[in-house]
Amino acid sequence: MALSISPVENRRERENGVLVYPVYSRRSGGLSVGINLFPGKKSCNFDCPYCEVFPFTANAVFSCDQMEEDLREVIAGALKQNIPVRDICFSGNGEPTLSPAFPEALKRASRVRAETAPASVLVLITNGTGLLQPHIFSLLQDTAAALNIWLKLDAGTPCWYKKMNRCEIAFEKLIAKIKEFSAVAPVTIQTMLCAIDGESPPDEEAQVWEQLIVELAAGGKLRKVQIYGKARPAPEDPKTSSLPAEYLEERAESLRGKLHCIMRGKLRCNMRGMFAVLQNAPPVEVYL
């Protein structure tokens, strides 16, 4: 089968009810196979102004059986064309952990990955609100060794959180749960940096966000930090706009310096006699 990996085409396919879709991912560095748990309508408790998924309705329902069949077909098509599958990713038209089918879908996707694309990784892109549900917290903690969890953290202050994510869940409550989870399971932090109504993140916001990341690195199992910008304009929602690449790089370089300082501190704390365990700082990656 021929694979289409155009971002625009795949957005339209998701809005037409597709459950599994291939896309070229700049963060995965190749082919990512997405799983869409909400083929009938967008379902998310965040309302991020930069989001490329707009409200829609389609005559489609999610089925784990159909998802598994489609996933095997897409992977087989990629392998037939000698296209390596980098990851299988839960993302789609909303927050995956809001779906009642998520636990079963995760189980099946894990099995398909092991059987058809063992070199790939399983990824969950989440806004973290599912961690407020004890059963989701436990599920993700139990599967974290085999699941790359990419946690959204777009803001360091409640004010910028309201602008970036427009969510009714208290910022402090969500951050506390993210800290609790990252202390027991490895996570990757994803941060979108963009302007809202022409306004860049205030200096105070940038400083508080950086300190929050440092706290997560010092007290948890932070794998990496992904800073990404608004790569594709969305004319349907003009509230957000791209920031200069130099700004993203400056934020990343500042954070790298702070993380290396934290790791040097951990190195000193881990000294045992004449030996020390070197702990590398989590990488900070920038995607434009």
C-alpha atoms as a PDB file:
ATOM      1  CA  MET A   1       0.000   0.000   0.000  1.00  0.00           C
ATOM      2  CA  ALA A   2       1.140   3.566  -0.705  1.00  0.00           C
ATOM      3  CA  LEU A   3       1.644   5.677   2.398  1.00  0.00           C
ATOM      4  CA  SER A   4       0.762   9.359   2.571  1.00  0.00           C
ATOM      5  CA  ILE A   5       2.782  11.239   5.179  1.00  0.00           C
ATOM      6  CA  SER A   6       1.620  14.784   4.496  1.00  0.00           C
ATOM      7  CA  PRO A   7       0.639  16.578   7.758  1.00  0.00           C
ATOM      8  CA  VAL A   8      -2.288  18.330   6.059  1.00  0.00           C
ATOM      9  CA  GLU A   9      -3.603  15.149   4.458  1.00  0.00           C
ATOM     10  CA  ASN A  10      -3.356  13.204   7.685  1.00  0.00           C
ATOM     11  CA  ARG A  11      -5.175  15.905   9.616  1.00  0.00           C
ATOM     12  CA  ARG A  12      -8.023  15.593   7.108  1.00  0.00           C
ATOM     13  CA  GLU A  13      -7.923  11.801   7.367  1.00  0.00           C
ATOM     14  CA  ARG A  14      -8.221  11.972  11.161  1.00  0.00           C
ATOM     15  CA  GLU A  15     -11.188  14.298  10.831  1.00  0.00           C
ATOM     16  CA  ASN A  16     -12.754  11.810   8.423  1.00  0.00           C
ATOM     17  CA  GLY A  17     -12.672   9.034  10.999  1.00  0.00           C
ATOM     18  CA  VAL A  18      -9.350   7.277  10.413  1.00  0.00           C
ATOM     19  CA  LEU A  19      -8.041   5.339  13.435  1.00  0.00           C
ATOM     20  CA  VAL A  20      -4.428   4.823  12.345  1.00  0.00           C
ATOM     21  CA  TYR A  21      -2.389   7.222  10.250  1.00  0.00           C
ATOM     22  CA  PRO A  22       1.266   7.461   9.139  1.00  0.00           C
ATOM     23  CA  VAL A  23       3.025  10.812   9.380  1.00  0.00           C
ATOM     24  CA  TYR A  24       6.577  12.073   9.115  1.00  0.00           C
ATOM     25  CA  SER A  25       7.531  13.320  12.582  1.00  0.00           C
ATOM     26  CA  ARG A  26      10.348  15.831  13.057  1.00  0.00           C
ATOM     27  CA  ARG A  27      10.613  14.765  16.694  1.00  0.00           C
ATOM     28  CA  SER A  28      10.790  11.046  15.858  1.00  0.00           C
ATOM     29  CA  GLY A  29      13.120  11.654  12.946  1.00  0.00           C
ATOM     30  CA  GLY A  30      11.127   9.484  10.551  1.00  0.00           C
ATOM     31  CA  LEU A  31       7.857   7.646  10.123  1.00  0.00           C
ATOM     32  CA  SER A  32       5.521   7.772  13.087  1.00  0.00           C
ATOM     33  CA  VAL A  33       2.330   5.716  13.063  1.00  0.00           C
ATOM     34  CA  GLY A  34      -0.367   7.597  14.942  1.00  0.00           C
ATOM     35  CA  ILE A  35      -3.311   6.099  16.798  1.00  0.00           C
ATOM     36  CA  ASN A  36      -6.442   8.218  16.956  1.00  0.00           C
ATOM     37  CA  LEU A  37      -8.794   7.323  19.799  1.00  0.00           C
ATOM     38  CA  PHE A  38     -11.322  10.031  18.840  1.00  0.00           C
ATOM     39  CA  PRO A  39     -12.303   9.533  15.187  1.00  0.00           C
ATOM     40  CA  GLY A  40     -15.792  11.014  15.698  1.00  0.00           C
ATOM     41  CA  LYS A  41     -14.937  14.369  17.266  1.00  0.00           C
ATOM     42  CA  LYS A  42     -12.184  16.271  19.024  1.00  0.00           C
ATOM     43  CA  SER A  43     -12.025  15.399  22.723  1.00  0.00           C
ATOM     44  CA  CYS A  44      -9.573  17.313  24.896  1.00  0.00           C
ATOM     45  CA  ASN A  45      -9.745  19.169  28.201  1.00  0.00           C
ATOM     46  CA  PHE A  46      -7.106  21.610  26.938  1.00  0.00           C
ATOM     47  CA  ASP A  47      -8.047  24.278  24.386  1.00  0.00           C
ATOM     48  CA  CYS A  48      -4.602  25.327  23.189  1.00  0.00           C
ATOM     49  CA  PRO A  49      -4.814  28.194  20.682  1.00  0.00           C
ATOM     50  CA  TYR A  50      -1.976  26.699  18.604  1.00  0.00           C
ATOM     51  CA  CYS A  51      -3.645  23.280  18.243  1.00  0.00           C
ATOM     52  CA  GLU A  52      -4.064  22.079  14.653  1.00  0.00           C
ATOM     53  CA  VAL A  53      -7.070  19.915  15.520  1.00  0.00           C
ATOM     54  CA  PHE A  54     -10.217  22.006  15.292  1.00  0.00           C
ATOM     55  CA  PRO A  55     -13.703  21.006  16.480  1.00  0.00           C
ATOM     56  CA  PHE A  56     -15.379  18.654  14.000  1.00  0.00           C
ATOM     57  CA  THR A  57     -17.830  15.779  13.837  1.00  0.00           C
ATOM     58  CA  ALA A  58     -17.592  12.592  11.797  1.00  0.00           C
ATOM     59  CA  ASN A  59     -19.685   9.458  11.561  1.00  0.00           C
ATOM     60  CA  ALA A  60     -17.045   7.246  13.154  1.00  0.00           C
ATOM     61  CA  VAL A  61     -16.480   5.356  16.399  1.00  0.00           C
ATOM     62  CA  PHE A  62     -13.331   3.869  17.863  1.00  0.00           C
ATOM     63  CA  SER A  63     -12.895   0.100  17.867  1.00  0.00           C
ATOM     64  CA  CYS A  64      -9.891  -1.703  19.333  1.00  0.00           C
ATOM     65  CA  ASP A  65     -10.377  -4.532  16.838  1.00  0.00           C
ATOM     66  CA  GLN A  66     -10.365  -2.136  13.892  1.00  0.00           C
ATOM     67  CA  MET A  67      -7.420  -0.204  15.337  1.00  0.00           C
ATOM     68  CA  GLU A  68      -5.353  -3.372  15.636  1.00  0.00           C
ATOM     69  CA  GLU A  69      -6.204  -4.440  12.099  1.00  0.00           C
ATOM     70  CA  ASP A  70      -5.381  -0.996  10.677  1.00  0.00           C
ATOM     71  CA  LEU A  71      -2.173  -0.749  12.679  1.00  0.00           C
ATOM     72  CA  ARG A  72      -0.908  -4.050  11.310  1.00  0.00           C
ATOM     73  CA  GLU A  73      -1.839  -2.971   7.776  1.00  0.00           C
ATOM     74  CA  VAL A  74      -0.058   0.392   7.980  1.00  0.00           C
ATOM     75  CA  ILE A  75       3.095  -1.135   9.456  1.00  0.00           C
ATOM     76  CA  ALA A  76       3.099  -3.903   6.832  1.00  0.00           C
ATOM     77  CA  GLY A  77       2.749  -1.258   4.111  1.00  0.00           C
ATOM     78  CA  ALA A  78       5.678   0.717   5.474  1.00  0.00           C
ATOM     79  CA  LEU A  79       7.911  -2.344   5.755  1.00  0.00           C
ATOM     80  CA  LYS A  80       6.988  -3.405   2.213  1.00  0.00           C
ATOM     81  CA  GLN A  81       8.331  -0.054   1.000  1.00  0.00           C
ATOM     82  CA  ASN A  82      11.428  -0.383   3.205  1.00  0.00           C
ATOM     83  CA  ILE A  83      10.307   2.541   5.353  1.00  0.00           C
ATOM     84  CA  PRO A  84      11.400   2.004   8.977  1.00  0.00           C
ATOM     85  CA  VAL A  85       8.769   2.730  11.604  1.00  0.00           C
ATOM     86  CA  ARG A  86      10.305   4.965  14.262  1.00  0.00           C
ATOM     87  CA  ASP A  87       7.412   4.913  16.671  1.00  0.00           C
ATOM     88  CA  ILE A  88       3.768   4.070  17.278  1.00  0.00           C
ATOM     89  CA  CYS A  89       2.204   7.099  18.883  1.00  0.00           C
ATOM     90  CA  PHE A  90      -1.012   7.776  20.781  1.00  0.00           C
ATOM     91  CA  SER A  91      -2.019  11.311  19.828  1.00  0.00           C
ATOM     92  CA  GLY A  92      -4.833  11.956  17.332  1.00  0.00           C
ATOM     93  CA  ASN A  93      -7.821  14.219  17.896  1.00  0.00           C
ATOM     94  CA  GLY A  94      -7.507  14.852  21.612  1.00  0.00           C
ATOM     95  CA  GLU A  95      -6.093  13.725  24.942  1.00  0.00           C
ATOM     96  CA  PRO A  96      -5.638   9.916  24.676  1.00  0.00           C
ATOM     97  CA  THR A  97      -6.066   9.207  28.394  1.00  0.00           C
ATOM     98  CA  LEU A  98      -9.617  10.616  28.291  1.00  0.00           C
ATOM     99  CA  SER A  99     -10.744   7.646  26.194  1.00  0.00           C
ATOM    100  CA  PRO A 100     -12.233   4.664  28.051  1.00  0.00           C
ATOM    101  CA  ALA A 101     -10.598   2.510  25.353  1.00  0.00           C
ATOM    102  CA  PHE A 102      -7.090   3.775  26.104  1.00  0.00           C
ATOM    103  CA  PRO A 103      -5.964   0.949  28.449  1.00  0.00           C
ATOM    104  CA  GLU A 104      -7.030  -1.802  26.024  1.00  0.00           C
ATOM    105  CA  ALA A 105      -5.716   0.103  22.995  1.00  0.00           C
ATOM    106  CA  LEU A 106      -2.365   0.539  24.721  1.00  0.00           C
ATOM    107  CA  LYS A 107      -2.189  -3.189  25.458  1.00  0.00           C
ATOM    108  CA  ARG A 108      -2.945  -4.111  21.850  1.00  0.00           C
ATOM    109  CA  ALA A 109      -0.599  -1.532  20.345  1.00  0.00           C
ATOM    110  CA  SER A 110       2.189  -2.836  22.556  1.00  0.00           C
ATOM    111  CA  ARG A 111       1.567  -6.361  21.285  1.00  0.00           C
ATOM    112  CA  VAL A 112       1.476  -5.271  17.626  1.00  0.00           C
ATOM    113  CA  ARG A 113       4.696  -3.306  18.041  1.00  0.00           C
ATOM    114  CA  ALA A 114       6.470  -6.327  19.551  1.00  0.00           C
ATOM    115  CA  GLU A 115       5.259  -8.600  16.758  1.00  0.00           C
ATOM    116  CA  THR A 116       5.672  -6.337  13.713  1.00  0.00           C
ATOM    117  CA  ALA A 117       8.028  -3.432  14.478  1.00  0.00           C
ATOM    118  CA  PRO A 118      10.155  -4.323  17.516  1.00  0.00           C
ATOM    119  CA  ALA A 119      12.759  -1.679  16.642  1.00  0.00           C
ATOM    120  CA  SER A 120      10.154   1.046  17.062  1.00  0.00           C
ATOM    121  CA  VAL A 121       9.093   2.641  20.324  1.00  0.00           C
ATOM    122  CA  LEU A 122       5.645   3.161  21.783  1.00  0.00           C
ATOM    123  CA  VAL A 123       4.859   6.807  22.554  1.00  0.00           C
ATOM    124  CA  LEU A 124       2.079   8.582  24.430  1.00  0.00           C
ATOM    125  CA  ILE A 125       1.670  12.320  23.868  1.00  0.00           C
ATOM    126  CA  THR A 126      -0.334  13.597  26.813  1.00  0.00           C
ATOM    127  CA  ASN A 127      -1.219  16.836  28.559  1.00  0.00           C
ATOM    128  CA  GLY A 128      -0.794  15.081  31.902  1.00  0.00           C
ATOM    129  CA  THR A 129      -4.344  15.570  33.152  1.00  0.00           C
ATOM    130  CA  GLY A 130      -4.937  11.806  33.079  1.00  0.00           C
ATOM    131  CA  LEU A 131      -2.464  11.533  35.953  1.00  0.00           C
ATOM    132  CA  LEU A 132      -5.150  13.043  38.176  1.00  0.00           C
ATOM    133  CA  GLN A 133      -7.064   9.772  37.744  1.00  0.00           C
ATOM    134  CA  PRO A 134      -5.573   7.080  40.014  1.00  0.00           C
ATOM    135  CA  HIS A 135      -6.137   4.244  37.522  1.00  0.00           C
ATOM    136  CA  ILE A 136      -4.373   6.150  34.715  1.00  0.00           C
ATOM    137  CA  PHE A 137      -1.531   7.133  37.042  1.00  0.00           C
ATOM    138  CA  SER A 138      -1.048   3.470  37.983  1.00  0.00           C
ATOM    139  CA  LEU A 139      -1.367   2.258  34.387  1.00  0.00           C
ATOM    140  CA  LEU A 140       1.267   4.680  33.109  1.00  0.00           C
ATOM    141  CA  GLN A 141       3.565   3.973  36.020  1.00  0.00           C
ATOM    142  CA  ASP A 142       3.304   0.232  35.356  1.00  0.00           C
ATOM    143  CA  THR A 143       3.954   0.600  31.608  1.00  0.00           C
ATOM    144  CA  ALA A 144       6.551   3.406  31.727  1.00  0.00           C
ATOM    145  CA  ALA A 145       9.451   1.029  31.082  1.00  0.00           C
ATOM    146  CA  ALA A 146       8.000   0.128  27.671  1.00  0.00           C
ATOM    147  CA  LEU A 147       6.198   3.404  26.932  1.00  0.00           C
ATOM    148  CA  ASN A 148       7.805   6.746  26.126  1.00  0.00           C
ATOM    149  CA  ILE A 149       5.612   9.301  27.882  1.00  0.00           C
ATOM    150  CA  TRP A 150       5.784  12.785  26.360  1.00  0.00           C
ATOM    151  CA  LEU A 151       4.249  15.201  28.853  1.00  0.00           C
ATOM    152  CA  LYS A 152       3.101  18.625  27.754  1.00  0.00           C
ATOM    153  CA  LEU A 153       4.362  21.495  29.912  1.00  0.00           C
ATOM    154  CA  ASP A 154       3.808  24.746  28.029  1.00  0.00           C
ATOM    155  CA  ALA A 155       3.937  27.101  30.987  1.00  0.00           C
ATOM    156  CA  GLY A 156       5.651  27.789  34.272  1.00  0.00           C
ATOM    157  CA  THR A 157       3.087  30.218  35.687  1.00  0.00           C
ATOM    158  CA  PRO A 158      -0.701  30.004  36.074  1.00  0.00           C
ATOM    159  CA  CYS A 159      -1.123  33.153  33.977  1.00  0.00           C
ATOM    160  CA  TRP A 160       0.679  31.794  30.913  1.00  0.00           C
ATOM    161  CA  TYR A 161      -0.978  28.386  31.406  1.00  0.00           C
ATOM    162  CA  LYS A 162      -4.372  30.065  31.032  1.00  0.00           C
ATOM    163  CA  LYS A 163      -3.244  31.652  27.779  1.00  0.00           C
ATOM    164  CA  MET A 164      -1.497  28.590  26.347  1.00  0.00           C
ATOM    165  CA  ASN A 165      -3.745  25.741  27.450  1.00  0.00           C
ATOM    166  CA  ARG A 166      -7.031  27.418  28.428  1.00  0.00           C
ATOM    167  CA  CYS A 167      -7.942  24.644  30.866  1.00  0.00           C
ATOM    168  CA  GLU A 168     -10.179  24.750  33.939  1.00  0.00           C
ATOM    169  CA  ILE A 169      -7.940  22.371  35.913  1.00  0.00           C
ATOM    170  CA  ALA A 170      -5.884  24.328  38.449  1.00  0.00           C
ATOM    171  CA  PHE A 171      -2.295  24.718  37.291  1.00  0.00           C
ATOM    172  CA  GLU A 172      -0.878  24.030  40.752  1.00  0.00           C
ATOM    173  CA  LYS A 173      -2.845  20.782  41.036  1.00  0.00           C
ATOM    174  CA  LEU A 174      -1.623  19.554  37.665  1.00  0.00           C
ATOM    175  CA  ILE A 175       2.018  20.464  38.335  1.00  0.00           C
ATOM    176  CA  ALA A 176       1.951  18.698  41.696  1.00  0.00           C
ATOM    177  CA  LYS A 177       0.746  15.510  40.026  1.00  0.00           C
ATOM    178  CA  ILE A 178       3.346  15.776  37.249  1.00  0.00           C
ATOM    179  CA  LYS A 179       6.070  16.113  39.889  1.00  0.00           C
ATOM    180  CA  GLU A 180       4.694  13.098  41.743  1.00  0.00           C
ATOM    181  CA  PHE A 181       4.622  10.996  38.582  1.00  0.00           C
ATOM    182  CA  SER A 182       8.038  12.037  37.268  1.00  0.00           C
ATOM    183  CA  ALA A 183       9.545  11.000  40.599  1.00  0.00           C
ATOM    184  CA  VAL A 184       8.569   7.371  39.942  1.00  0.00           C
ATOM    185  CA  ALA A 185       8.548   7.057  36.118  1.00  0.00           C
ATOM    186  CA  PRO A 186      10.690   8.423  33.271  1.00  0.00           C
ATOM    187  CA  VAL A 187       9.126  11.206  31.202  1.00  0.00           C
ATOM    188  CA  THR A 188       9.960  13.511  28.311  1.00  0.00           C
ATOM    189  CA  ILE A 189       8.765  17.094  28.685  1.00  0.00           C
ATOM    190  CA  GLN A 190       7.378  18.860  25.623  1.00  0.00           C
ATOM    191  CA  THR A 191       7.032  22.636  25.554  1.00  0.00           C
ATOM    192  CA  MET A 192       5.487  24.745  22.810  1.00  0.00           C
ATOM    193  CA  LEU A 193       6.974  28.233  22.542  1.00  0.00           C
ATOM    194  CA  CYS A 194       4.920  30.660  20.510  1.00  0.00           C
ATOM    195  CA  ALA A 195       3.488  34.161  20.682  1.00  0.00           C
ATOM    196  CA  ILE A 196      -0.138  34.709  21.675  1.00  0.00           C
ATOM    197  CA  ASP A 197      -1.856  37.775  20.237  1.00  0.00           C
ATOM    198  CA  GLY A 198       1.640  38.952  19.309  1.00  0.00           C
ATOM    199  CA  GLU A 199       2.921  38.572  22.883  1.00  0.00           C
ATOM    200  CA  SER A 200       5.998  36.443  23.579  1.00  0.00           C
ATOM    201  CA  PRO A 201       6.301  34.608  26.905  1.00  0.00           C
ATOM    202  CA  PRO A 202       7.206  37.217  29.563  1.00  0.00           C
ATOM    203  CA  ASP A 203      10.699  37.041  31.060  1.00  0.00           C
ATOM    204  CA  GLU A 204       9.262  35.980  34.423  1.00  0.00           C
ATOM    205  CA  GLU A 205       7.339  33.141  32.774  1.00  0.00           C
ATOM    206  CA  ALA A 206      10.492  31.880  31.045  1.00  0.00           C
ATOM    207  CA  GLN A 207      12.444  31.953  34.298  1.00  0.00           C
ATOM    208  CA  VAL A 208       9.764  30.143  36.314  1.00  0.00           C
ATOM    209  CA  TRP A 209       9.339  27.505  33.578  1.00  0.00           C
ATOM    210  CA  GLU A 210      13.089  26.889  33.558  1.00  0.00           C
ATOM    211  CA  GLN A 211      13.153  26.517  37.328  1.00  0.00           C
ATOM    212  CA  LEU A 212      10.247  24.069  37.146  1.00  0.00           C
ATOM    213  CA  ILE A 213      12.131  21.909  34.622  1.00  0.00           C
ATOM    214  CA  VAL A 214      15.200  22.006  36.864  1.00  0.00           C
ATOM    215  CA  GLU A 215      13.076  20.815  39.802  1.00  0.00           C
ATOM    216  CA  LEU A 216      11.714  17.935  37.716  1.00  0.00           C
ATOM    217  CA  ALA A 217      15.246  16.958  36.692  1.00  0.00           C
ATOM    218  CA  ALA A 218      16.552  17.137  40.243  1.00  0.00           C
ATOM    219  CA  GLY A 219      13.689  15.247  41.851  1.00  0.00           C
ATOM    220  CA  GLY A 220      12.538  12.929  39.101  1.00  0.00           C
ATOM    221  CA  LYS A 221      13.405  10.764  36.108  1.00  0.00           C
ATOM    222  CA  LEU A 222      13.490  13.323  33.325  1.00  0.00           C
ATOM    223  CA  ARG A 223      14.522  11.708  30.007  1.00  0.00           C
ATOM    224  CA  LYS A 224      14.721  14.810  27.854  1.00  0.00           C
ATOM    225  CA  VAL A 225      13.123  18.170  27.131  1.00  0.00           C
ATOM    226  CA  GLN A 226      11.671  18.959  23.709  1.00  0.00           C
ATOM    227  CA  ILE A 227      11.209  22.625  22.892  1.00  0.00           C
ATOM    228  CA  TYR A 228       9.278  23.166  19.700  1.00  0.00           C
ATOM    229  CA  GLY A 229       7.878  26.107  17.803  1.00  0.00           C
ATOM    230  CA  LYS A 230       4.860  26.717  15.627  1.00  0.00           C
ATOM    231  CA  ALA A 231       6.084  25.187  12.383  1.00  0.00           C
ATOM    232  CA  ARG A 232       2.928  25.287  10.271  1.00  0.00           C
ATOM    233  CA  PRO A 233       0.684  28.370  10.210  1.00  0.00           C
ATOM    234  CA  ALA A 234      -2.958  27.732  11.078  1.00  0.00           C
ATOM    235  CA  PRO A 235      -4.977  30.453   9.337  1.00  0.00           C
ATOM    236  CA  GLU A 236      -8.129  29.169  11.022  1.00  0.00           C
ATOM    237  CA  ASP A 237      -6.785  30.387  14.386  1.00  0.00           C
ATOM    238  CA  PRO A 238      -4.709  33.593  14.114  1.00  0.00           C
ATOM    239  CA  LYS A 239      -4.158  33.978  17.878  1.00  0.00           C
ATOM    240  CA  THR A 240      -0.711  32.356  17.809  1.00  0.00           C
ATOM    241  CA  SER A 241       2.388  33.051  15.747  1.00  0.00           C
ATOM    242  CA  SER A 242       5.922  31.699  15.479  1.00  0.00           C
ATOM    243  CA  LEU A 243       8.811  33.037  17.520  1.00  0.00           C
ATOM    244  CA  PRO A 244      12.304  33.513  16.049  1.00  0.00           C
ATOM    245  CA  ALA A 245      14.446  30.389  15.991  1.00  0.00           C
ATOM    246  CA  GLU A 246      17.072  32.322  17.955  1.00  0.00           C
ATOM    247  CA  TYR A 247      14.622  32.747  20.842  1.00  0.00           C
ATOM    248  CA  LEU A 248      13.998  28.993  21.066  1.00  0.00           C
ATOM    249  CA  GLU A 249      17.729  28.283  20.950  1.00  0.00           C
ATOM    250  CA  GLU A 250      18.411  30.844  23.690  1.00  0.00           C
ATOM    251  CA  ARG A 251      15.808  29.242  25.949  1.00  0.00           C
ATOM    252  CA  ALA A 252      17.271  25.802  25.251  1.00  0.00           C
ATOM    253  CA  GLU A 253      20.851  26.909  25.885  1.00  0.00           C
ATOM    254  CA  SER A 254      19.909  28.539  29.176  1.00  0.00           C
ATOM    255  CA  LEU A 255      18.170  25.360  30.307  1.00  0.00           C
ATOM    256  CA  ARG A 256      21.103  23.185  29.234  1.00  0.00           C
ATOM    257  CA  GLY A 257      23.387  25.210  31.470  1.00  0.00           C
ATOM    258  CA  LYS A 258      21.081  24.831  34.468  1.00  0.00           C
ATOM    259  CA  LEU A 259      20.637  21.094  33.912  1.00  0.00           C
ATOM    260  CA  HIS A 260      24.371  20.489  33.695  1.00  0.00           C
ATOM    261  CA  CYS A 261      24.810  22.329  36.993  1.00  0.00           C
ATOM    262  CA  ILE A 262      22.174  20.073  38.575  1.00  0.00           C
ATOM    263  CA  MET A 263      23.891  16.935  37.296  1.00  0.00           C
ATOM    264  CA  ARG A 264      27.271  18.070  38.604  1.00  0.00           C
ATOM    265  CA  GLY A 265      25.617  18.503  41.987  1.00  0.00           C
ATOM    266  CA  LYS A 266      24.225  14.974  41.790  1.00  0.00           C
ATOM    267  CA  LEU A 267      27.683  13.689  40.891  1.00  0.00           C
ATOM    268  CA  ARG A 268      29.164  15.162  44.052  1.00  0.00           C
ATOM    269  CA  CYS A 269      26.317  13.700  46.132  1.00  0.00           C
ATOM    270  CA  ASN A 270      26.875  10.243  44.649  1.00  0.00           C
ATOM    271  CA  MET A 271      30.548   9.970  45.558  1.00  0.00           C
ATOM    272  CA  ARG A 272      31.394   6.762  47.387  1.00  0.00           C
ATOM    273  CA  GLY A 273      35.026   6.638  48.459  1.00  0.00           C
ATOM    274  CA  MET A 274      37.125   7.027  45.333  1.00  0.00           C
ATOM    275  CA  PHE A 275      34.283   6.272  42.911  1.00  0.00           C
ATOM    276  CA  ALA A 276      31.518   8.360  41.439  1.00  0.00           C
ATOM    277  CA  VAL A 277      28.618   7.614  39.146  1.00  0.00           C
ATOM    278  CA  LEU A 278      28.460  10.099  36.296  1.00  0.00           C
ATOM    279  CA  GLN A 279      24.905  11.194  35.587  1.00  0.00           C
ATOM    280  CA  ASN A 280      24.409  12.944  32.250  1.00  0.00           C
ATOM    281  CA  ALA A 281      22.051  15.882  32.004  1.00  0.00           C
ATOM    282  CA  PRO A 282      18.803  15.226  30.126  1.00  0.00           C
ATOM    283  CA  PRO A 283      19.186  16.455  26.527  1.00  0.00           C
ATOM    284  CA  VAL A 284      17.315  19.588  25.481  1.00  0.00           C
ATOM    285  CA  GLU A 285      16.172  19.345  21.857  1.00  0.00           C
ATOM    286  CA  VAL A 286      14.775  22.154  19.709  1.00  0.00           C
ATOM    287  CA  TYR A 287      12.311  21.552  16.863  1.00  0.00           C
ATOM    288  CA  LEU A 288      11.534  24.443  14.519  1.00  0.00           C
END
